[in-house]
């Protein structure tokens, strides 16, 4: 299994716009991608402009397909101006 974690740090005051777009992206990924096995969206209760994602894909190829999907490309374009910083990490689930 291929695990992806992402931390989004938003520009101040953008969380209200970002959150529904992020939740829709998670739902779309799970519904449209058979090899997207888990997609959790978390928000830091102490820093309202910080979101954490935990995603599991069958393999790296499934994640690459996710990045090439129309729903991901639409999401990425929608939130681009909201994001101040984005940290992505990859792991292998044991």
N, C-alpha and C. Protein backbone atom coordinates (compact mmCIF):
# COMPACT_ATOMS: atom_id res chain seq x y z
N UNK A 1 0.84 -1.18 0.00
CA UNK A 1 0.00 0.00 0.00
C UNK A 1 0.89 1.25 0.00
N UNK A 2 0.42 2.26 -0.69
CA UNK A 2 1.15 3.51 -0.85
C UNK A 2 0.39 4.59 -0.07
N UNK A 3 1.06 5.20 0.90
CA UNK A 3 0.44 6.18 1.78
C UNK A 3 0.98 7.57 1.45
N UNK A 4 0.06 8.51 1.40
CA UNK A 4 0.41 9.91 1.13
C UNK A 4 -0.14 10.75 2.28
N UNK A 5 0.70 11.61 2.83
CA UNK A 5 0.22 12.60 3.79
C UNK A 5 0.50 13.98 3.20
N UNK A 6 -0.43 14.88 3.45
CA UNK A 6 -0.30 16.24 2.94
C UNK A 6 -0.69 17.21 4.04
N UNK A 7 0.11 18.22 4.24
CA UNK A 7 -0.26 19.32 5.13
C UNK A 7 -0.43 20.55 4.26
N UNK A 8 -1.63 21.11 4.33
CA UNK A 8 -1.93 22.37 3.64
C UNK A 8 -1.92 23.48 4.67
N UNK A 9 -1.15 24.51 4.41
CA UNK A 9 -1.20 25.73 5.20
C UNK A 9 -1.80 26.78 4.29
N UNK A 10 -2.93 27.32 4.72
CA UNK A 10 -3.68 28.25 3.89
C UNK A 10 -3.33 29.69 4.21
N UNK A 11 -3.61 30.56 3.26
CA UNK A 11 -3.54 31.98 3.55
C UNK A 11 -4.63 32.28 4.57
N UNK A 12 -4.38 33.19 5.49
CA UNK A 12 -5.37 33.48 6.55
C UNK A 12 -6.75 33.79 5.98
N UNK A 13 -7.75 33.21 6.62
CA UNK A 13 -9.14 33.47 6.27
C UNK A 13 -9.67 32.66 5.10
N UNK A 14 -8.92 31.73 4.56
CA UNK A 14 -9.37 30.98 3.38
C UNK A 14 -9.95 29.61 3.72
N UNK A 15 -9.93 29.21 4.99
CA UNK A 15 -10.38 27.87 5.38
C UNK A 15 -11.85 27.63 5.04
N UNK A 16 -12.68 28.65 5.15
CA UNK A 16 -14.10 28.50 4.84
C UNK A 16 -14.36 28.13 3.39
N UNK A 17 -13.51 28.57 2.49
CA UNK A 17 -13.62 28.20 1.07
C UNK A 17 -12.94 26.86 0.79
N UNK A 18 -11.82 26.64 1.46
CA UNK A 18 -11.02 25.46 1.21
C UNK A 18 -11.70 24.18 1.69
N UNK A 19 -12.26 24.22 2.89
CA UNK A 19 -12.81 23.00 3.49
C UNK A 19 -13.85 22.29 2.62
N UNK A 20 -14.87 22.96 2.10
CA UNK A 20 -15.83 22.22 1.26
C UNK A 20 -15.20 21.67 -0.02
N UNK A 21 -14.26 22.40 -0.59
CA UNK A 21 -13.57 21.90 -1.79
C UNK A 21 -12.74 20.67 -1.46
N UNK A 22 -12.08 20.69 -0.31
CA UNK A 22 -11.25 19.56 0.11
C UNK A 22 -12.10 18.33 0.41
N UNK A 23 -13.21 18.53 1.10
CA UNK A 23 -14.11 17.40 1.41
C UNK A 23 -14.71 16.81 0.14
N UNK A 24 -15.05 17.65 -0.82
CA UNK A 24 -15.57 17.15 -2.10
C UNK A 24 -14.49 16.37 -2.83
N UNK A 25 -13.26 16.84 -2.79
CA UNK A 25 -12.15 16.13 -3.43
C UNK A 25 -11.97 14.74 -2.82
N UNK A 26 -12.05 14.64 -1.52
CA UNK A 26 -11.92 13.34 -0.86
C UNK A 26 -13.05 12.40 -1.30
N UNK A 27 -14.28 12.90 -1.30
CA UNK A 27 -15.42 12.07 -1.73
C UNK A 27 -15.26 11.64 -3.19
N UNK A 28 -14.88 12.57 -4.05
CA UNK A 28 -14.70 12.25 -5.47
C UNK A 28 -13.61 11.20 -5.68
N UNK A 29 -12.52 11.32 -4.95
CA UNK A 29 -11.42 10.36 -5.08
C UNK A 29 -11.88 8.96 -4.69
N UNK A 30 -12.57 8.86 -3.57
CA UNK A 30 -13.04 7.55 -3.11
C UNK A 30 -14.09 6.97 -4.06
N UNK A 31 -14.94 7.80 -4.60
CA UNK A 31 -16.02 7.32 -5.48
C UNK A 31 -15.52 6.96 -6.87
N UNK A 32 -14.57 7.71 -7.41
CA UNK A 32 -14.17 7.54 -8.80
C UNK A 32 -12.92 6.69 -9.01
N UNK A 33 -12.16 6.48 -7.95
CA UNK A 33 -10.88 5.78 -8.07
C UNK A 33 -10.92 4.49 -7.26
N UNK A 34 -11.03 3.37 -7.94
CA UNK A 34 -11.10 2.07 -7.24
C UNK A 34 -9.87 1.80 -6.40
N UNK A 35 -8.72 2.35 -6.79
CA UNK A 35 -7.49 2.09 -6.05
C UNK A 35 -7.15 3.16 -5.01
N UNK A 36 -8.07 4.09 -4.78
CA UNK A 36 -7.96 5.02 -3.65
C UNK A 36 -8.74 4.36 -2.52
N UNK A 37 -8.02 3.86 -1.53
CA UNK A 37 -8.62 3.04 -0.49
C UNK A 37 -9.03 3.82 0.75
N UNK A 38 -8.40 4.95 0.98
CA UNK A 38 -8.74 5.78 2.14
C UNK A 38 -8.34 7.21 1.84
N UNK A 39 -9.16 8.16 2.31
CA UNK A 39 -8.86 9.57 2.09
C UNK A 39 -9.48 10.34 3.25
N UNK A 40 -8.68 10.60 4.27
CA UNK A 40 -9.14 11.31 5.46
C UNK A 40 -8.70 12.76 5.41
N UNK A 41 -9.61 13.64 5.76
CA UNK A 41 -9.33 15.08 5.82
C UNK A 41 -9.44 15.50 7.29
N UNK A 42 -8.39 16.12 7.79
CA UNK A 42 -8.36 16.57 9.19
C UNK A 42 -8.02 18.06 9.22
N UNK A 43 -8.54 18.72 10.24
CA UNK A 43 -8.26 20.15 10.42
C UNK A 43 -7.67 20.36 11.80
N UNK A 44 -6.63 21.13 11.88
CA UNK A 44 -5.98 21.40 13.16
C UNK A 44 -6.89 22.30 13.99
N UNK A 45 -7.36 21.83 15.15
CA UNK A 45 -8.28 22.64 15.95
C UNK A 45 -7.62 23.88 16.57
N UNK A 46 -6.30 23.90 16.59
CA UNK A 46 -5.59 25.05 17.17
C UNK A 46 -5.08 26.02 16.11
N UNK A 47 -5.14 25.58 14.85
CA UNK A 47 -4.68 26.44 13.74
C UNK A 47 -5.68 26.27 12.61
N UNK A 48 -6.67 27.12 12.54
CA UNK A 48 -7.78 26.91 11.61
C UNK A 48 -7.38 26.90 10.14
N UNK A 49 -6.22 27.42 9.82
CA UNK A 49 -5.77 27.46 8.43
C UNK A 49 -4.83 26.30 8.07
N UNK A 50 -4.82 25.24 8.90
CA UNK A 50 -3.98 24.07 8.62
C UNK A 50 -4.85 22.82 8.49
N UNK A 51 -4.67 22.11 7.38
CA UNK A 51 -5.38 20.86 7.10
C UNK A 51 -4.36 19.75 6.88
N UNK A 52 -4.74 18.54 7.29
CA UNK A 52 -3.88 17.36 7.14
C UNK A 52 -4.67 16.28 6.42
N UNK A 53 -4.06 15.70 5.39
CA UNK A 53 -4.68 14.60 4.65
C UNK A 53 -3.91 13.32 4.89
N UNK A 54 -4.65 12.21 4.97
CA UNK A 54 -4.06 10.87 5.05
C UNK A 54 -4.75 10.05 3.99
N UNK A 55 -3.98 9.65 2.98
CA UNK A 55 -4.53 8.94 1.83
C UNK A 55 -3.81 7.61 1.66
N UNK A 56 -4.56 6.57 1.29
CA UNK A 56 -3.96 5.27 0.99
C UNK A 56 -4.40 4.84 -0.40
N UNK A 57 -3.41 4.47 -1.21
CA UNK A 57 -3.63 3.97 -2.56
C UNK A 57 -3.06 2.56 -2.67
N UNK A 58 -3.58 1.80 -3.61
CA UNK A 58 -3.10 0.43 -3.79
C UNK A 58 -1.59 0.40 -4.08
N UNK A 59 -1.12 1.37 -4.87
CA UNK A 59 0.30 1.44 -5.22
C UNK A 59 0.60 2.84 -5.77
N UNK A 60 1.85 3.07 -6.11
CA UNK A 60 2.26 4.38 -6.62
C UNK A 60 1.54 4.72 -7.93
N UNK A 61 1.32 3.72 -8.77
CA UNK A 61 0.62 3.96 -10.04
C UNK A 61 -0.79 4.49 -9.79
N UNK A 62 -1.45 4.00 -8.76
CA UNK A 62 -2.79 4.48 -8.42
C UNK A 62 -2.75 5.94 -7.99
N UNK A 63 -1.73 6.31 -7.24
CA UNK A 63 -1.59 7.71 -6.83
C UNK A 63 -1.30 8.60 -8.05
N UNK A 64 -0.44 8.12 -8.94
CA UNK A 64 -0.15 8.88 -10.16
C UNK A 64 -1.42 9.08 -10.99
N UNK A 65 -2.26 8.04 -11.06
CA UNK A 65 -3.54 8.16 -11.78
C UNK A 65 -4.43 9.19 -11.08
N UNK A 66 -4.40 9.22 -9.76
CA UNK A 66 -5.16 10.22 -8.98
C UNK A 66 -4.75 11.63 -9.40
N UNK A 67 -3.44 11.87 -9.48
CA UNK A 67 -2.94 13.20 -9.86
C UNK A 67 -3.33 13.59 -11.28
N UNK A 68 -3.61 12.61 -12.11
CA UNK A 68 -3.97 12.87 -13.50
C UNK A 68 -5.48 12.92 -13.72
N UNK A 69 -6.26 12.69 -12.66
CA UNK A 69 -7.72 12.64 -12.80
C UNK A 69 -8.30 14.05 -12.98
N UNK A 70 -9.41 14.15 -13.72
CA UNK A 70 -10.03 15.47 -13.92
C UNK A 70 -10.48 16.11 -12.60
N UNK A 71 -10.99 15.31 -11.68
CA UNK A 71 -11.46 15.90 -10.41
C UNK A 71 -10.30 16.45 -9.59
N UNK A 72 -9.13 15.79 -9.63
CA UNK A 72 -7.98 16.33 -8.92
C UNK A 72 -7.49 17.63 -9.58
N UNK A 73 -7.39 17.62 -10.89
CA UNK A 73 -6.92 18.82 -11.60
C UNK A 73 -7.85 20.00 -11.34
N UNK A 74 -9.15 19.76 -11.31
CA UNK A 74 -10.12 20.81 -11.00
C UNK A 74 -9.93 21.32 -9.57
N UNK A 75 -9.80 20.40 -8.62
CA UNK A 75 -9.57 20.78 -7.23
C UNK A 75 -8.30 21.62 -7.10
N UNK A 76 -7.22 21.14 -7.70
CA UNK A 76 -5.93 21.82 -7.59
C UNK A 76 -6.01 23.25 -8.12
N UNK A 77 -6.69 23.43 -9.24
CA UNK A 77 -6.86 24.78 -9.80
C UNK A 77 -7.74 25.65 -8.91
N UNK A 78 -8.77 25.04 -8.33
CA UNK A 78 -9.70 25.78 -7.47
C UNK A 78 -9.03 26.33 -6.23
N UNK A 79 -8.15 25.52 -5.60
CA UNK A 79 -7.57 25.92 -4.31
C UNK A 79 -6.20 26.57 -4.42
N UNK A 80 -5.63 26.63 -5.60
CA UNK A 80 -4.25 27.11 -5.76
C UNK A 80 -4.00 28.45 -5.07
N UNK A 81 -4.91 29.39 -5.20
CA UNK A 81 -4.71 30.72 -4.62
C UNK A 81 -4.98 30.75 -3.11
N UNK A 82 -5.55 29.69 -2.58
CA UNK A 82 -5.84 29.62 -1.14
C UNK A 82 -4.65 29.09 -0.34
N UNK A 83 -3.76 28.36 -1.01
CA UNK A 83 -2.70 27.61 -0.34
C UNK A 83 -1.42 28.45 -0.24
N UNK A 84 -0.95 28.62 1.00
CA UNK A 84 0.31 29.33 1.23
C UNK A 84 1.48 28.36 1.17
N UNK A 85 1.26 27.11 1.65
CA UNK A 85 2.32 26.11 1.64
C UNK A 85 1.69 24.73 1.65
N UNK A 86 2.40 23.77 1.06
CA UNK A 86 1.90 22.41 0.96
C UNK A 86 3.08 21.47 1.13
N UNK A 87 2.97 20.54 2.08
CA UNK A 87 4.02 19.56 2.34
C UNK A 87 3.46 18.17 2.07
N UNK A 88 4.11 17.44 1.16
CA UNK A 88 3.65 16.10 0.78
C UNK A 88 4.73 15.10 1.18
N UNK A 89 4.30 14.00 1.82
CA UNK A 89 5.20 12.92 2.19
C UNK A 89 4.62 11.59 1.72
N UNK A 90 5.49 10.64 1.42
CA UNK A 90 5.09 9.32 0.95
C UNK A 90 5.62 8.26 1.91
N UNK A 91 4.81 7.22 2.11
CA UNK A 91 5.18 6.11 3.00
C UNK A 91 4.71 4.80 2.41
N UNK A 92 5.32 3.72 2.85
CA UNK A 92 4.85 2.38 2.51
C UNK A 92 4.18 1.82 3.77
N UNK A 93 2.93 1.41 3.63
CA UNK A 93 2.22 0.84 4.78
C UNK A 93 2.73 -0.57 5.02
N UNK A 94 3.11 -0.84 6.25
CA UNK A 94 3.66 -2.15 6.61
C UNK A 94 2.56 -3.13 6.97
